[in-house]
Amino acid sequence: MTGGLVYVGSSTGVVAALDASNGTTRWSVEGVWDNNSSPAVAKGVVYVGSAYGQSGRIYAIRAGTGKVLWSTSTGDAVESSPAVANGVVYVGCLNHDVYAVDASTGSILWSYTTGSDVVSSPAVANGRVYVGSSYPDGTLYAFGSVNGRQG
């Protein structure tokens, strides 16, 4: 929640901003299919992943208006919730990849292929990004020297 609004997604393809005090819909965006990840909000922008068909996407949506600022293909479903730090959005995908995406432009800064699906949500702490992969890999990955542009 931020600014009195709660941001939610659904498997029906809708991301919405709801008034936290009375539950009325302030805005909604359709076409963000199968967004199983929870939205993250940073600097007035809502970031959410989707499983849009066979090609997952990350969306950036203006928090106050619902205007889609950009969307970027990840090549497969985004099941993890995004983490946002230092101007970078981090997500994991079912194609085994972890992505670092420029929060302003949607450009992919880097990606790393793990040993299995990445459905866990990345965590950012002390200049590092941490994310786990699923069975059978089952590994916790740590990416260092994260300053907003490097992985």
N, C-alpha and C. Protein backbone atom coordinates (compact mmCIF):
# COMPACT_ATOMS: atom_id res chain seq x y z
N MET A 1 0.84 -1.18 0.00
CA MET A 1 0.00 0.00 0.00
C MET A 1 0.89 1.24 0.00
N THR A 2 0.48 2.20 -0.75
CA THR A 2 1.16 3.49 -0.75
C THR A 2 0.18 4.57 -1.19
N GLY A 3 0.25 5.71 -0.57
CA GLY A 3 -0.63 6.82 -0.92
C GLY A 3 -2.11 6.51 -0.74
N GLY A 4 -2.43 5.64 0.21
CA GLY A 4 -3.82 5.28 0.45
C GLY A 4 -4.39 4.28 -0.54
N LEU A 5 -3.55 3.74 -1.42
CA LEU A 5 -4.01 2.76 -2.39
C LEU A 5 -3.35 1.41 -2.15
N VAL A 6 -4.10 0.35 -2.44
CA VAL A 6 -3.60 -1.01 -2.38
C VAL A 6 -3.58 -1.51 -3.82
N TYR A 7 -2.48 -2.13 -4.23
CA TYR A 7 -2.32 -2.61 -5.60
C TYR A 7 -2.40 -4.13 -5.61
N VAL A 8 -3.26 -4.65 -6.49
CA VAL A 8 -3.48 -6.09 -6.57
C VAL A 8 -3.50 -6.53 -8.03
N GLY A 9 -3.17 -7.80 -8.23
CA GLY A 9 -3.27 -8.40 -9.55
C GLY A 9 -4.12 -9.64 -9.46
N SER A 10 -4.46 -10.21 -10.61
CA SER A 10 -5.28 -11.42 -10.62
C SER A 10 -4.96 -12.27 -11.84
N SER A 11 -5.36 -13.52 -11.77
CA SER A 11 -5.14 -14.42 -12.89
C SER A 11 -6.10 -14.13 -14.05
N THR A 12 -7.03 -13.21 -13.85
CA THR A 12 -7.95 -12.82 -14.92
C THR A 12 -7.36 -11.73 -15.81
N GLY A 13 -6.15 -11.31 -15.52
CA GLY A 13 -5.48 -10.33 -16.37
C GLY A 13 -5.66 -8.89 -15.97
N VAL A 14 -6.07 -8.64 -14.73
CA VAL A 14 -6.30 -7.27 -14.28
C VAL A 14 -5.35 -6.91 -13.15
N VAL A 15 -4.74 -5.75 -13.22
CA VAL A 15 -4.02 -5.14 -12.11
C VAL A 15 -4.83 -3.91 -11.73
N ALA A 16 -5.07 -3.73 -10.43
CA ALA A 16 -5.93 -2.63 -10.02
C ALA A 16 -5.37 -1.91 -8.80
N ALA A 17 -5.76 -0.64 -8.67
CA ALA A 17 -5.47 0.16 -7.49
C ALA A 17 -6.79 0.35 -6.77
N LEU A 18 -6.83 -0.06 -5.50
CA LEU A 18 -8.04 0.05 -4.70
C LEU A 18 -7.82 1.05 -3.57
N ASP A 19 -8.83 1.85 -3.29
CA ASP A 19 -8.78 2.77 -2.16
C ASP A 19 -8.73 1.94 -0.88
N ALA A 20 -7.70 2.14 -0.07
CA ALA A 20 -7.51 1.33 1.14
C ALA A 20 -8.60 1.55 2.18
N SER A 21 -9.26 2.71 2.15
CA SER A 21 -10.26 2.99 3.18
C SER A 21 -11.64 2.42 2.86
N ASN A 22 -11.97 2.29 1.56
CA ASN A 22 -13.32 1.82 1.24
C ASN A 22 -13.38 0.74 0.16
N GLY A 23 -12.23 0.39 -0.43
CA GLY A 23 -12.18 -0.70 -1.41
C GLY A 23 -12.63 -0.36 -2.82
N THR A 24 -12.94 0.90 -3.08
CA THR A 24 -13.36 1.25 -4.44
C THR A 24 -12.15 1.23 -5.38
N THR A 25 -12.43 0.89 -6.62
CA THR A 25 -11.37 0.81 -7.63
C THR A 25 -11.06 2.21 -8.14
N ARG A 26 -9.80 2.61 -8.04
CA ARG A 26 -9.35 3.92 -8.57
C ARG A 26 -8.98 3.80 -10.04
N TRP A 27 -8.31 2.69 -10.38
CA TRP A 27 -7.97 2.42 -11.77
C TRP A 27 -7.71 0.92 -11.92
N SER A 28 -7.79 0.45 -13.16
CA SER A 28 -7.45 -0.94 -13.46
C SER A 28 -6.83 -1.02 -14.85
N VAL A 29 -5.95 -1.98 -15.01
CA VAL A 29 -5.28 -2.23 -16.28
C VAL A 29 -5.58 -3.67 -16.65
N GLU A 30 -6.08 -3.88 -17.86
CA GLU A 30 -6.38 -5.23 -18.33
C GLU A 30 -5.26 -5.73 -19.23
N GLY A 31 -5.18 -7.04 -19.38
CA GLY A 31 -4.20 -7.64 -20.29
C GLY A 31 -2.90 -8.06 -19.63
N VAL A 32 -2.80 -7.96 -18.31
CA VAL A 32 -1.60 -8.41 -17.58
C VAL A 32 -1.92 -9.82 -17.07
N TRP A 33 -1.95 -10.78 -17.97
CA TRP A 33 -2.46 -12.11 -17.69
C TRP A 33 -1.64 -12.90 -16.70
N ASP A 34 -2.36 -13.68 -15.91
CA ASP A 34 -1.77 -14.63 -14.96
C ASP A 34 -0.69 -13.99 -14.10
N ASN A 35 -1.00 -12.84 -13.51
CA ASN A 35 0.01 -12.19 -12.66
C ASN A 35 -0.09 -12.79 -11.26
N ASN A 36 0.64 -13.88 -11.07
CA ASN A 36 0.69 -14.57 -9.79
C ASN A 36 1.63 -13.90 -8.81
N SER A 37 2.44 -12.99 -9.31
CA SER A 37 3.36 -12.28 -8.42
C SER A 37 2.64 -11.11 -7.77
N SER A 38 3.09 -10.75 -6.59
CA SER A 38 2.55 -9.57 -5.90
C SER A 38 3.24 -8.33 -6.45
N PRO A 39 2.50 -7.26 -6.67
CA PRO A 39 3.12 -6.04 -7.17
C PRO A 39 4.09 -5.44 -6.15
N ALA A 40 5.12 -4.78 -6.67
CA ALA A 40 6.05 -4.00 -5.85
C ALA A 40 5.89 -2.54 -6.27
N VAL A 41 5.97 -1.64 -5.31
CA VAL A 41 5.81 -0.21 -5.60
C VAL A 41 7.07 0.53 -5.18
N ALA A 42 7.60 1.34 -6.09
CA ALA A 42 8.78 2.15 -5.79
C ALA A 42 8.72 3.44 -6.59
N LYS A 43 8.92 4.55 -5.92
CA LYS A 43 8.98 5.87 -6.56
C LYS A 43 7.79 6.13 -7.48
N GLY A 44 6.58 5.78 -7.01
CA GLY A 44 5.38 6.08 -7.76
C GLY A 44 5.09 5.16 -8.92
N VAL A 45 5.77 4.01 -8.98
CA VAL A 45 5.55 3.06 -10.06
C VAL A 45 5.26 1.69 -9.47
N VAL A 46 4.27 1.00 -10.05
CA VAL A 46 3.91 -0.37 -9.65
C VAL A 46 4.58 -1.31 -10.64
N TYR A 47 5.31 -2.29 -10.13
CA TYR A 47 5.98 -3.29 -10.97
C TYR A 47 5.33 -4.64 -10.68
N VAL A 48 4.97 -5.35 -11.76
CA VAL A 48 4.33 -6.66 -11.59
C VAL A 48 4.75 -7.55 -12.75
N GLY A 49 4.88 -8.83 -12.46
CA GLY A 49 5.21 -9.81 -13.48
C GLY A 49 3.97 -10.55 -13.94
N SER A 50 4.06 -11.16 -15.12
CA SER A 50 2.93 -11.94 -15.64
C SER A 50 3.44 -13.16 -16.39
N ALA A 51 2.51 -14.07 -16.63
CA ALA A 51 2.81 -15.28 -17.39
C ALA A 51 2.21 -15.19 -18.78
N TYR A 52 2.01 -14.01 -19.27
CA TYR A 52 1.32 -13.71 -20.53
C TYR A 52 1.61 -14.75 -21.62
N GLY A 53 0.69 -15.69 -21.77
CA GLY A 53 0.87 -16.76 -22.76
C GLY A 53 2.12 -17.55 -22.47
N GLN A 54 2.93 -17.79 -23.46
CA GLN A 54 4.19 -18.50 -23.28
C GLN A 54 5.34 -17.54 -23.03
N SER A 55 5.09 -16.25 -23.14
CA SER A 55 6.15 -15.27 -22.97
C SER A 55 5.81 -14.36 -21.80
N GLY A 56 6.47 -14.56 -20.68
CA GLY A 56 6.23 -13.72 -19.51
C GLY A 56 6.68 -12.30 -19.74
N ARG A 57 6.17 -11.39 -18.91
CA ARG A 57 6.51 -9.98 -19.05
C ARG A 57 6.62 -9.36 -17.67
N ILE A 58 7.33 -8.25 -17.62
CA ILE A 58 7.37 -7.38 -16.45
C ILE A 58 6.72 -6.07 -16.90
N TYR A 59 5.83 -5.55 -16.06
CA TYR A 59 5.13 -4.29 -16.36
C TYR A 59 5.49 -3.23 -15.35
N ALA A 60 5.60 -1.99 -15.84
CA ALA A 60 5.74 -0.81 -14.99
C ALA A 60 4.50 0.04 -15.23
N ILE A 61 3.76 0.34 -14.15
CA ILE A 61 2.49 1.05 -14.25
C ILE A 61 2.53 2.24 -13.29
N ARG A 62 2.18 3.43 -13.78
CA ARG A 62 2.16 4.64 -12.95
C ARG A 62 1.16 4.41 -11.81
N ALA A 63 1.64 4.53 -10.56
CA ALA A 63 0.83 4.20 -9.38
C ALA A 63 -0.40 5.08 -9.24
N GLY A 64 -0.31 6.34 -9.59
CA GLY A 64 -1.43 7.25 -9.39
C GLY A 64 -2.50 7.19 -10.47
N THR A 65 -2.12 6.75 -11.69
CA THR A 65 -3.05 6.84 -12.81
C THR A 65 -3.36 5.51 -13.49
N GLY A 66 -2.50 4.51 -13.33
CA GLY A 66 -2.69 3.24 -14.02
C GLY A 66 -2.14 3.22 -15.43
N LYS A 67 -1.42 4.27 -15.82
CA LYS A 67 -0.83 4.31 -17.16
C LYS A 67 0.34 3.32 -17.22
N VAL A 68 0.31 2.44 -18.23
CA VAL A 68 1.41 1.50 -18.43
C VAL A 68 2.59 2.28 -19.02
N LEU A 69 3.71 2.27 -18.31
CA LEU A 69 4.90 2.99 -18.75
C LEU A 69 5.75 2.16 -19.69
N TRP A 70 5.87 0.88 -19.39
CA TRP A 70 6.60 -0.05 -20.25
C TRP A 70 6.28 -1.48 -19.85
N SER A 71 6.57 -2.39 -20.76
CA SER A 71 6.53 -3.82 -20.45
C SER A 71 7.68 -4.47 -21.20
N THR A 72 8.29 -5.45 -20.58
CA THR A 72 9.46 -6.11 -21.14
C THR A 72 9.26 -7.61 -21.10
N SER A 73 9.57 -8.28 -22.21
CA SER A 73 9.44 -9.73 -22.28
C SER A 73 10.61 -10.40 -21.57
N THR A 74 10.28 -11.46 -20.83
CA THR A 74 11.31 -12.27 -20.17
C THR A 74 11.44 -13.64 -20.82
N GLY A 75 10.59 -13.95 -21.78
CA GLY A 75 10.69 -15.21 -22.48
C GLY A 75 9.94 -16.35 -21.83
N ASP A 76 9.51 -16.20 -20.58
CA ASP A 76 8.73 -17.22 -19.90
C ASP A 76 8.03 -16.59 -18.70
N ALA A 77 7.17 -17.35 -18.08
CA ALA A 77 6.33 -16.85 -16.99
C ALA A 77 7.14 -16.27 -15.84
N VAL A 78 6.71 -15.12 -15.36
CA VAL A 78 7.27 -14.50 -14.16
C VAL A 78 6.36 -14.88 -13.00
N GLU A 79 6.82 -15.78 -12.16
CA GLU A 79 6.04 -16.23 -11.00
C GLU A 79 6.49 -15.53 -9.72
N SER A 80 7.70 -15.02 -9.69
CA SER A 80 8.20 -14.36 -8.49
C SER A 80 7.69 -12.93 -8.43
N SER A 81 7.63 -12.39 -7.22
CA SER A 81 7.30 -10.98 -7.06
C SER A 81 8.56 -10.16 -7.28
N PRO A 82 8.45 -9.01 -7.92
CA PRO A 82 9.64 -8.20 -8.18
C PRO A 82 10.21 -7.61 -6.89
N ALA A 83 11.50 -7.38 -6.92
CA ALA A 83 12.19 -6.59 -5.89
C ALA A 83 12.77 -5.38 -6.62
N VAL A 84 12.70 -4.22 -6.00
CA VAL A 84 13.18 -3.00 -6.64
C VAL A 84 14.19 -2.33 -5.71
N ALA A 85 15.37 -2.03 -6.24
CA ALA A 85 16.41 -1.35 -5.47
C ALA A 85 17.34 -0.61 -6.41
N ASN A 86 17.71 0.59 -6.03
CA ASN A 86 18.69 1.38 -6.78
C ASN A 86 18.35 1.51 -8.26
N GLY A 87 17.06 1.67 -8.57
CA GLY A 87 16.67 1.87 -9.96
C GLY A 87 16.65 0.61 -10.80
N VAL A 88 16.64 -0.56 -10.15
CA VAL A 88 16.64 -1.83 -10.87
C VAL A 88 15.52 -2.71 -10.33
N VAL A 89 14.82 -3.39 -11.24
CA VAL A 89 13.78 -4.36 -10.89
C VAL A 89 14.38 -5.75 -11.09
N TYR A 90 14.26 -6.60 -10.07
CA TYR A 90 14.77 -7.97 -10.13
C TYR A 90 13.61 -8.95 -10.09
N VAL A 91 13.60 -9.93 -11.01
CA VAL A 91 12.57 -10.97 -11.02
C VAL A 91 13.19 -12.29 -11.45
N GLY A 92 12.50 -13.37 -11.09
CA GLY A 92 12.87 -14.70 -11.55
C GLY A 92 11.79 -15.25 -12.44
N CYS A 93 12.16 -16.20 -13.32
CA CYS A 93 11.23 -16.74 -14.31
C CYS A 93 11.29 -18.26 -14.36
N LEU A 94 10.28 -18.83 -15.00
CA LEU A 94 10.23 -20.28 -15.16
C LEU A 94 11.24 -20.80 -16.18
N ASN A 95 11.88 -19.91 -16.93
CA ASN A 95 12.91 -20.33 -17.87
C ASN A 95 14.28 -20.45 -17.19
N HIS A 96 14.29 -20.44 -15.85
CA HIS A 96 15.48 -20.59 -15.01
C HIS A 96 16.28 -19.30 -14.87
N ASP A 97 15.80 -18.21 -15.44
CA ASP A 97 16.58 -16.97 -15.46
C ASP A 97 16.17 -16.00 -14.35
N VAL A 98 17.16 -15.25 -13.89
CA VAL A 98 16.98 -14.10 -13.02
C VAL A 98 17.30 -12.89 -13.88
N TYR A 99 16.43 -11.88 -13.83
CA TYR A 99 16.62 -10.68 -14.64
C TYR A 99 16.80 -9.45 -13.77
N ALA A 100 17.67 -8.56 -14.22
CA ALA A 100 17.81 -7.21 -13.67
C ALA A 100 17.38 -6.26 -14.78
N VAL A 101 16.34 -5.47 -14.51
CA VAL A 101 15.73 -4.62 -15.53
C VAL A 101 15.78 -3.17 -15.05
N ASP A 102 16.17 -2.26 -15.94
CA ASP A 102 16.19 -0.84 -15.61
C ASP A 102 14.78 -0.39 -15.27
N ALA A 103 14.58 0.14 -14.08
CA ALA A 103 13.24 0.52 -13.61
C ALA A 103 12.64 1.66 -14.41
N SER A 104 13.44 2.50 -15.02
CA SER A 104 12.93 3.64 -15.79
C SER A 104 12.56 3.29 -17.22
N THR A 105 13.33 2.40 -17.85
CA THR A 105 13.16 2.15 -19.28
C THR A 105 12.65 0.76 -19.62
N GLY A 106 12.81 -0.21 -18.71
CA GLY A 106 12.44 -1.59 -19.00
C GLY A 106 13.52 -2.36 -19.74
N SER A 107 14.67 -1.74 -19.97
CA SER A 107 15.78 -2.44 -20.64
C SER A 107 16.38 -3.49 -19.72
N ILE A 108 16.64 -4.66 -20.27
CA ILE A 108 17.28 -5.71 -19.49
C ILE A 108 18.75 -5.37 -19.33
N LEU A 109 19.18 -5.25 -18.07
CA LEU A 109 20.57 -4.91 -17.77
C LEU A 109 21.45 -6.16 -17.77
N TRP A 110 20.93 -7.22 -17.17
CA TRP A 110 21.61 -8.51 -17.18
C TRP A 110 20.64 -9.62 -16.82
N SER A 111 21.03 -10.83 -17.16
CA SER A 111 20.26 -12.00 -16.75
C SER A 111 21.25 -13.10 -16.41
N TYR A 112 20.78 -14.04 -15.60
CA TYR A 112 21.63 -15.17 -15.20
C TYR A 112 20.75 -16.42 -15.20
N THR A 113 21.24 -17.48 -15.81
CA THR A 113 20.50 -18.74 -15.87
C THR A 113 20.91 -19.63 -14.71
N THR A 114 19.92 -19.97 -13.88
CA THR A 114 20.15 -20.86 -12.74
C THR A 114 19.93 -22.31 -13.20
N GLY A 115 19.93 -23.23 -12.26
CA GLY A 115 19.77 -24.63 -12.59
C GLY A 115 18.34 -25.11 -12.64
N SER A 116 17.35 -24.24 -12.37
CA SER A 116 15.95 -24.65 -12.37
C SER A 116 15.06 -23.41 -12.37
N ASP A 117 13.73 -23.64 -12.34
CA ASP A 117 12.78 -22.53 -12.30
C ASP A 117 13.08 -21.60 -11.13
N VAL A 118 12.81 -20.31 -11.33
CA VAL A 118 12.96 -19.34 -10.25
C VAL A 118 11.58 -18.78 -9.94
N VAL A 119 10.98 -19.31 -8.88
CA VAL A 119 9.66 -18.84 -8.45
C VAL A 119 9.74 -18.05 -7.15
N SER A 120 10.87 -18.14 -6.48
CA SER A 120 11.04 -17.36 -5.25
C SER A 120 11.27 -15.89 -5.63
N SER A 121 10.88 -15.01 -4.73
CA SER A 121 11.06 -13.59 -4.98
C SER A 121 12.45 -13.16 -4.56
N PRO A 122 13.14 -12.38 -5.40
CA PRO A 122 14.46 -11.91 -5.02
C PRO A 122 14.41 -11.02 -3.78
N ALA A 123 15.48 -11.03 -3.04
CA ALA A 123 15.65 -10.12 -1.90
C ALA A 123 16.93 -9.33 -2.14
N VAL A 124 16.92 -8.06 -1.78
CA VAL A 124 18.09 -7.20 -1.96
C VAL A 124 18.51 -6.69 -0.60
N ALA A 125 19.79 -6.91 -0.25
CA ALA A 125 20.33 -6.44 1.03
C ALA A 125 21.83 -6.27 0.93
N ASN A 126 22.32 -5.20 1.52
CA ASN A 126 23.76 -4.95 1.59
C ASN A 126 24.46 -5.06 0.24
N GLY A 127 23.83 -4.52 -0.80
CA GLY A 127 24.46 -4.48 -2.12
C GLY A 127 24.44 -5.81 -2.85
N ARG A 128 23.63 -6.76 -2.39
CA ARG A 128 23.54 -8.06 -3.05
C ARG A 128 22.09 -8.41 -3.34
N VAL A 129 21.90 -9.22 -4.39
CA VAL A 129 20.59 -9.75 -4.73
C VAL A 129 20.64 -11.25 -4.43
N TYR A 130 19.64 -11.73 -3.68
CA TYR A 130 19.56 -13.14 -3.31
C TYR A 130 18.30 -13.72 -3.92
N VAL A 131 18.42 -14.92 -4.49
CA VAL A 131 17.26 -15.60 -5.04
C VAL A 131 17.53 -17.10 -5.05
N GLY A 132 16.48 -17.87 -4.80
CA GLY A 132 16.61 -19.33 -4.81
C GLY A 132 15.96 -19.92 -6.03
N SER A 133 16.48 -21.07 -6.47
CA SER A 133 15.88 -21.79 -7.58
C SER A 133 15.15 -23.02 -7.04
N SER A 134 14.25 -23.55 -7.84
CA SER A 134 13.42 -24.68 -7.44
C SER A 134 14.17 -26.00 -7.56
N TYR A 135 13.50 -27.06 -7.10
CA TYR A 135 14.00 -28.42 -7.27
C TYR A 135 14.10 -28.72 -8.75
N PRO A 136 15.07 -29.39 -9.28
CA PRO A 136 16.08 -30.13 -8.54
C PRO A 136 17.34 -29.35 -8.21
N ASP A 137 17.46 -28.12 -8.72
CA ASP A 137 18.66 -27.32 -8.44
C ASP A 137 18.71 -26.93 -6.97
N GLY A 138 17.67 -26.29 -6.48
CA GLY A 138 17.56 -25.95 -5.07
C GLY A 138 18.71 -25.15 -4.51
N THR A 139 19.21 -24.20 -5.27
CA THR A 139 20.38 -23.43 -4.87
C THR A 139 19.99 -22.00 -4.54
N LEU A 140 20.62 -21.43 -3.52
CA LEU A 140 20.48 -20.02 -3.22
C LEU A 140 21.59 -19.29 -3.94
N TYR A 141 21.22 -18.35 -4.79
CA TYR A 141 22.19 -17.57 -5.56
C TYR A 141 22.32 -16.18 -4.94
N ALA A 142 23.54 -15.66 -4.95
CA ALA A 142 23.80 -14.30 -4.47
C ALA A 142 24.60 -13.58 -5.56
N PHE A 143 24.08 -12.45 -5.98
CA PHE A 143 24.74 -11.62 -6.99
C PHE A 143 25.28 -10.40 -6.28
N GLY A 144 26.58 -10.16 -6.40
CA GLY A 144 27.21 -9.08 -5.65
C GLY A 144 27.47 -7.83 -6.47
N SER A 145 27.99 -6.82 -5.78
CA SER A 145 28.37 -5.55 -6.38
C SER A 145 27.18 -4.88 -7.07
N VAL A 146 26.00 -4.99 -6.49
CA VAL A 146 24.82 -4.40 -7.10
C VAL A 146 24.78 -2.92 -6.74
N ASN A 147 25.01 -2.10 -7.73
CA ASN A 147 24.96 -0.66 -7.51
C ASN A 147 23.92 0.00 -8.39
N GLY A 148 22.98 -0.80 -8.89
CA GLY A 148 21.95 -0.27 -9.77
C GLY A 148 22.23 -0.52 -11.23
N ARG A 149 23.44 -0.89 -11.59
CA ARG A 149 23.76 -1.12 -12.99
C ARG A 149 24.59 -2.37 -13.23
N GLN A 150 25.07 -3.01 -12.19
CA GLN A 150 25.90 -4.19 -12.38
C GLN A 150 25.34 -5.37 -11.59
N GLY A 151 25.62 -6.57 -12.06
CA GLY A 151 25.17 -7.76 -11.35
C GLY A 151 26.30 -8.70 -11.10
